[in-house]
C-alpha atoms as a PDB file:
ATOM      1  CA  MET A   1      -0.031   0.072   0.060  1.00  0.00           C
ATOM      2  CA  SER A   2       1.537   3.296  -1.133  1.00  0.00           C
ATOM      3  CA  LYS A   3       1.180   6.297   1.314  1.00  0.00           C
ATOM      4  CA  SER A   4       0.541   9.712  -0.210  1.00  0.00           C
ATOM      5  CA  SER A   5       3.399  11.963  -0.740  1.00  0.00           C
ATOM      6  CA  GLU A   6       1.679  14.513   1.690  1.00  0.00           C
ATOM      7  CA  PHE A   7       1.840  11.972   4.379  1.00  0.00           C
ATOM      8  CA  GLU A   8       5.499  10.984   3.611  1.00  0.00           C
ATOM      9  CA  MET A   9       6.549  14.848   3.770  1.00  0.00           C
ATOM     10  CA  TRP A  10       4.450  15.214   6.888  1.00  0.00           C
ATOM     11  CA  ARG A  11       6.277  12.332   8.541  1.00  0.00           C
ATOM     12  CA  GLY A  12       9.543  13.577   7.230  1.00  0.00           C
ATOM     13  CA  ALA A  13       9.094  16.822   8.792  1.00  0.00           C
ATOM     14  CA  VAL A  14       7.154  16.128  12.047  1.00  0.00           C
ATOM     15  CA  ILE A  15       9.846  13.983  13.508  1.00  0.00           C
ATOM     16  CA  PRO A  16      12.845  16.397  13.221  1.00  0.00           C
ATOM     17  CA  ALA A  17      10.442  19.170  14.477  1.00  0.00           C
ATOM     18  CA  SER A  18       9.239  17.324  17.441  1.00  0.00           C
ATOM     19  CA  LEU A  19      12.550  16.338  18.306  1.00  0.00           C
ATOM     20  CA  THR A  20      13.882  19.847  18.073  1.00  0.00           C
ATOM     21  CA  GLY A  21      11.028  21.210  19.913  1.00  0.00           C
ATOM     22  CA  ILE A  22      11.566  18.865  22.923  1.00  0.00           C
ATOM     23  CA  LEU A  23      15.451  19.300  23.041  1.00  0.00           C
ATOM     24  CA  VAL A  24      15.274  22.998  22.738  1.00  0.00           C
ATOM     25  CA  THR A  25      12.581  23.129  25.458  1.00  0.00           C
ATOM     26  CA  ILE A  26      14.634  21.097  27.663  1.00  0.00           C
ATOM     27  CA  ALA A  27      17.548  23.470  27.098  1.00  0.00           C
ATOM     28  CA  MET A  28      15.647  26.619  27.817  1.00  0.00           C
ATOM     29  CA  THR A  29      14.163  25.032  31.005  1.00  0.00           C
ATOM     30  CA  ILE A  30      17.467  24.285  32.194  1.00  0.00           C
ATOM     31  CA  ALA A  31      18.917  27.683  31.280  1.00  0.00           C
ATOM     32  CA  ARG A  32      15.655  29.852  32.124  1.00  0.00           C
ATOM     33  CA  GLY A  33      13.819  27.932  34.680  1.00  0.00           C
ATOM     34  CA  SER A  34      10.405  26.228  34.902  1.00  0.00           C
ATOM     35  CA  SER A  35       8.157  28.685  33.033  1.00  0.00           C
ATOM     36  CA  SER A  36      10.032  27.800  29.786  1.00  0.00           C
ATOM     37  CA  ILE A  37       8.115  24.501  29.806  1.00  0.00           C
ATOM     38  CA  LEU A  38       4.780  25.946  28.936  1.00  0.00           C
ATOM     39  CA  GLY A  39       6.421  28.343  26.474  1.00  0.00           C
ATOM     40  CA  GLY A  40       8.201  25.603  24.852  1.00  0.00           C
ATOM     41  CA  VAL A  41       5.072  23.200  24.648  1.00  0.00           C
ATOM     42  CA  LEU A  42       2.736  25.927  23.397  1.00  0.00           C
ATOM     43  CA  ALA A  43       5.124  26.909  20.627  1.00  0.00           C
ATOM     44  CA  GLU A  44       5.642  23.390  19.531  1.00  0.00           C
ATOM     45  CA  PHE A  45       1.611  22.896  19.584  1.00  0.00           C
ATOM     46  CA  ILE A  46       1.173  25.974  17.401  1.00  0.00           C
ATOM     47  CA  VAL A  47       3.999  25.469  14.970  1.00  0.00           C
ATOM     48  CA  LEU A  48       3.116  21.899  14.294  1.00  0.00           C
ATOM     49  CA  ILE A  49      -0.574  22.500  13.847  1.00  0.00           C
ATOM     50  CA  PHE A  50       0.136  25.487  11.410  1.00  0.00           C
ATOM     51  CA  PHE A  51       2.458  23.487   9.234  1.00  0.00           C
ATOM     52  CA  GLY A  52       0.165  20.627   9.430  1.00  0.00           C
ATOM     53  CA  ILE A  53      -2.588  22.696   8.144  1.00  0.00           C
ATOM     54  CA  HIS A  54      -0.512  23.612   4.968  1.00  0.00           C
ATOM     55  CA  LEU A  55       0.140  19.901   4.171  1.00  0.00           C
ATOM     56  CA  ALA A  56      -3.622  18.973   4.689  1.00  0.00           C
ATOM     57  CA  ILE A  57      -4.552  21.857   2.295  1.00  0.00           C
ATOM     58  CA  SER A  58      -2.058  20.468  -0.215  1.00  0.00           C
ATOM     59  CA  LYS A  59      -3.493  17.085  -0.232  1.00  0.00           C
ATOM     60  CA  PHE A  60      -7.210  18.465  -0.504  1.00  0.00           C
ATOM     61  CA  SER A  61      -6.312  20.694  -3.373  1.00  0.00           C
ATOM     62  CA  ARG A  62      -4.326  17.957  -5.481  1.00  0.00           C
ATOM     63  CA  THR A  63      -7.108  17.570  -7.920  1.00  0.00           C
ATOM     64  CA  LEU A  64      -8.445  21.215  -8.094  1.00  0.00           C
ATOM     65  CA  ASP A  65      -7.881  23.850 -10.709  1.00  0.00           C
ATOM     66  CA  PRO A  66      -4.478  25.603 -10.167  1.00  0.00           C
ATOM     67  CA  MET A  67      -6.303  29.057  -9.713  1.00  0.00           C
ATOM     68  CA  MET A  68      -8.701  27.463  -7.114  1.00  0.00           C
ATOM     69  CA  THR A  69      -5.680  26.055  -5.431  1.00  0.00           C
ATOM     70  CA  MET A  70      -4.040  29.614  -5.223  1.00  0.00           C
ATOM     71  CA  VAL A  71      -7.262  30.862  -3.811  1.00  0.00           C
ATOM     72  CA  LEU A  72      -7.487  28.061  -1.174  1.00  0.00           C
ATOM     73  CA  VAL A  73      -3.749  28.547  -0.272  1.00  0.00           C
ATOM     74  CA  LEU A  74      -4.000  32.398  -0.033  1.00  0.00           C
ATOM     75  CA  ILE A  75      -7.239  32.151   1.986  1.00  0.00           C
ATOM     76  CA  SER A  76      -5.694  29.662   4.441  1.00  0.00           C
ATOM     77  CA  TYR A  77      -2.513  31.853   4.742  1.00  0.00           C
ATOM     78  CA  PHE A  78      -4.357  34.863   5.701  1.00  0.00           C
ATOM     79  CA  ALA A  79      -6.531  32.827   8.016  1.00  0.00           C
ATOM     80  CA  LYS A  80      -3.577  31.287   9.734  1.00  0.00           C
ATOM     81  CA  LEU A  81      -2.059  34.719  10.003  1.00  0.00           C
ATOM     82  CA  ILE A  82      -5.024  36.257  11.732  1.00  0.00           C
ATOM     83  CA  ILE A  83      -5.483  33.392  14.102  1.00  0.00           C
ATOM     84  CA  LEU A  84      -1.948  33.404  14.878  1.00  0.00           C
ATOM     85  CA  GLY A  85      -1.989  37.062  15.565  1.00  0.00           C
ATOM     86  CA  VAL A  86      -5.262  36.721  17.751  1.00  0.00           C
ATOM     87  CA  PHE A  87      -3.644  33.735  19.663  1.00  0.00           C
ATOM     88  CA  LEU A  88      -0.539  35.790  20.473  1.00  0.00           C
ATOM     89  CA  LEU A  89      -2.529  38.811  21.571  1.00  0.00           C
ATOM     90  CA  VAL A  90      -4.622  36.571  23.961  1.00  0.00           C
ATOM     91  CA  VAL A  91      -1.427  34.800  25.397  1.00  0.00           C
ATOM     92  CA  VAL A  92       0.413  38.104  25.903  1.00  0.00           C
ATOM     93  CA  ASN A  93      -2.717  39.781  27.593  1.00  0.00           C
ATOM     94  CA  MET A  94      -4.012  36.825  29.628  1.00  0.00           C
ATOM     95  CA  VAL A  95      -0.987  34.772  30.597  1.00  0.00           C
ATOM     96  CA  PRO A  96       1.360  36.087  33.074  1.00  0.00           C
ATOM     97  CA  GLU A  97       5.045  36.530  32.241  1.00  0.00           C
ATOM     98  CA  LYS A  98       6.009  34.388  35.121  1.00  0.00           C
ATOM     99  CA  SER A  99       4.005  31.241  33.961  1.00  0.00           C
ATOM    100  CA  LEU A 100       5.121  31.362  30.341  1.00  0.00           C
ATOM    101  CA  ASP A 101       8.767  32.437  29.124  1.00  0.00           C
ATOM    102  CA  ARG A 102       8.129  34.469  26.043  1.00  0.00           C
ATOM    103  CA  THR A 103      11.923  34.064  25.012  1.00  0.00           C
ATOM    104  CA  THR A 104      11.653  30.403  25.158  1.00  0.00           C
ATOM    105  CA  PHE A 105       8.381  30.621  23.211  1.00  0.00           C
ATOM    106  CA  GLY A 106      10.137  32.519  20.466  1.00  0.00           C
ATOM    107  CA  VAL A 107      13.394  30.341  20.406  1.00  0.00           C
ATOM    108  CA  VAL A 108      11.457  27.241  20.322  1.00  0.00           C
ATOM    109  CA  ALA A 109       9.096  28.403  17.480  1.00  0.00           C
ATOM    110  CA  VAL A 110      11.994  29.481  15.355  1.00  0.00           C
ATOM    111  CA  ALA A 111      13.916  26.229  16.056  1.00  0.00           C
ATOM    112  CA  ILE A 112      10.852  24.047  15.159  1.00  0.00           C
ATOM    113  CA  THR A 113      10.054  26.037  11.971  1.00  0.00           C
ATOM    114  CA  PHE A 114      13.689  25.556  10.670  1.00  0.00           C
ATOM    115  CA  ALA A 115      13.520  21.840  11.581  1.00  0.00           C
ATOM    116  CA  TRP A 116      10.153  21.428   9.980  1.00  0.00           C
ATOM    117  CA  LEU A 117      11.312  23.012   6.810  1.00  0.00           C
ATOM    118  CA  ALA A 118      14.551  21.271   6.434  1.00  0.00           C
ATOM    119  CA  GLY A 119      12.655  17.866   7.202  1.00  0.00           C
ATOM    120  CA  GLU A 120       9.967  18.670   4.815  1.00  0.00           C
ATOM    121  CA  VAL A 121      12.489  19.501   1.888  1.00  0.00           C
ATOM    122  CA  ARG A 122      14.682  16.426   2.677  1.00  0.00           C
ATOM    123  CA  ALA A 123      11.311  14.289   2.537  1.00  0.00           C
ATOM    124  CA  PHE A 124      10.459  15.932  -0.675  1.00  0.00           C
ATOM    125  CA  LEU A 125      13.788  15.333  -2.259  1.00  0.00           C
ATOM    126  CA  LYS A 126      13.567  11.615  -1.138  1.00  0.00           C
ATOM    127  CA  LEU A 127      10.367  11.296  -2.992  1.00  0.00           C
ATOM    128  CA  ARG A 128      11.872  12.132  -6.384  1.00  0.00           C
ATOM    129  CA  LEU A 129       8.507  13.288  -7.942  1.00  0.00           C
ATOM    130  CA  HIS A 130       8.604  14.345 -11.566  1.00  0.00           C
ATOM    131  CA  LEU A 131       6.514  17.409 -12.070  1.00  0.00           C
ATOM    132  CA  PRO A 132       5.783  17.986 -15.700  1.00  0.00           C
ATOM    133  CA  LEU A 133       5.165  21.354 -17.382  1.00  0.00           C
ATOM    134  CA  PRO A 134       1.933  22.198 -19.031  1.00  0.00           C
ATOM    135  CA  GLY A 135       2.274  21.252 -22.659  1.00  0.00           C
ATOM    136  CA  ASP A 136       5.623  19.325 -22.170  1.00  0.00           C
ATOM    137  CA  THR A 137       5.735  16.837 -25.092  1.00  0.00           C
ATOM    138  CA  SER A 138       9.150  15.271 -23.965  1.00  0.00           C
ATOM    139  CA  HIS A 139       7.344  14.289 -20.653  1.00  0.00           C
ATOM    140  CA  LYS A 140       4.322  12.772 -22.614  1.00  0.00           C
ATOM    141  CA  ALA A 141       6.881  10.856 -24.908  1.00  0.00           C
ATOM    142  CA  PHE A 142       9.045   9.685 -21.804  1.00  0.00           C
ATOM    143  CA  THR A 143       6.222   8.234 -19.986  1.00  0.00           C
ATOM    144  CA  GLU A 144       4.830   6.329 -22.930  1.00  0.00           C
ATOM    145  CA  GLN A 145       8.331   4.849 -23.505  1.00  0.00           C
ATOM    146  CA  GLY A 146       8.534   3.936 -19.685  1.00  0.00           C
ATOM    147  CA  ASP A 147       5.279   1.958 -20.061  1.00  0.00           C
END
């Protein structure tokens, strides 16, 4: 049974991102204290959810028209941006600084983002997908020869 390319990319990205989040949270907790635990866990949750949504939209829009895909991606991007902004405003205004280390939140979020992107690129390159250009006759002839 073949897994989808989105699942393979998700798996290739979530493992290094999760490990990075855990390790950076532990390091920041040792360096800055116990308030770093909540900051690290919250950052990991937010980043993993938002990148996971991107891959889910990619899977959903696989069969859509390219213009509809672009509209869907732009809507999801702006929705995620607004939701993240509201979430950060709520966290800053509702959670006291002594309970949630904001520096740890930022450091862990950036570290997880880099790990996710590196893992996703690595997983994509391992897939070795051929993406034909529209109207590419050499691709059509190549696929017919391969059969």
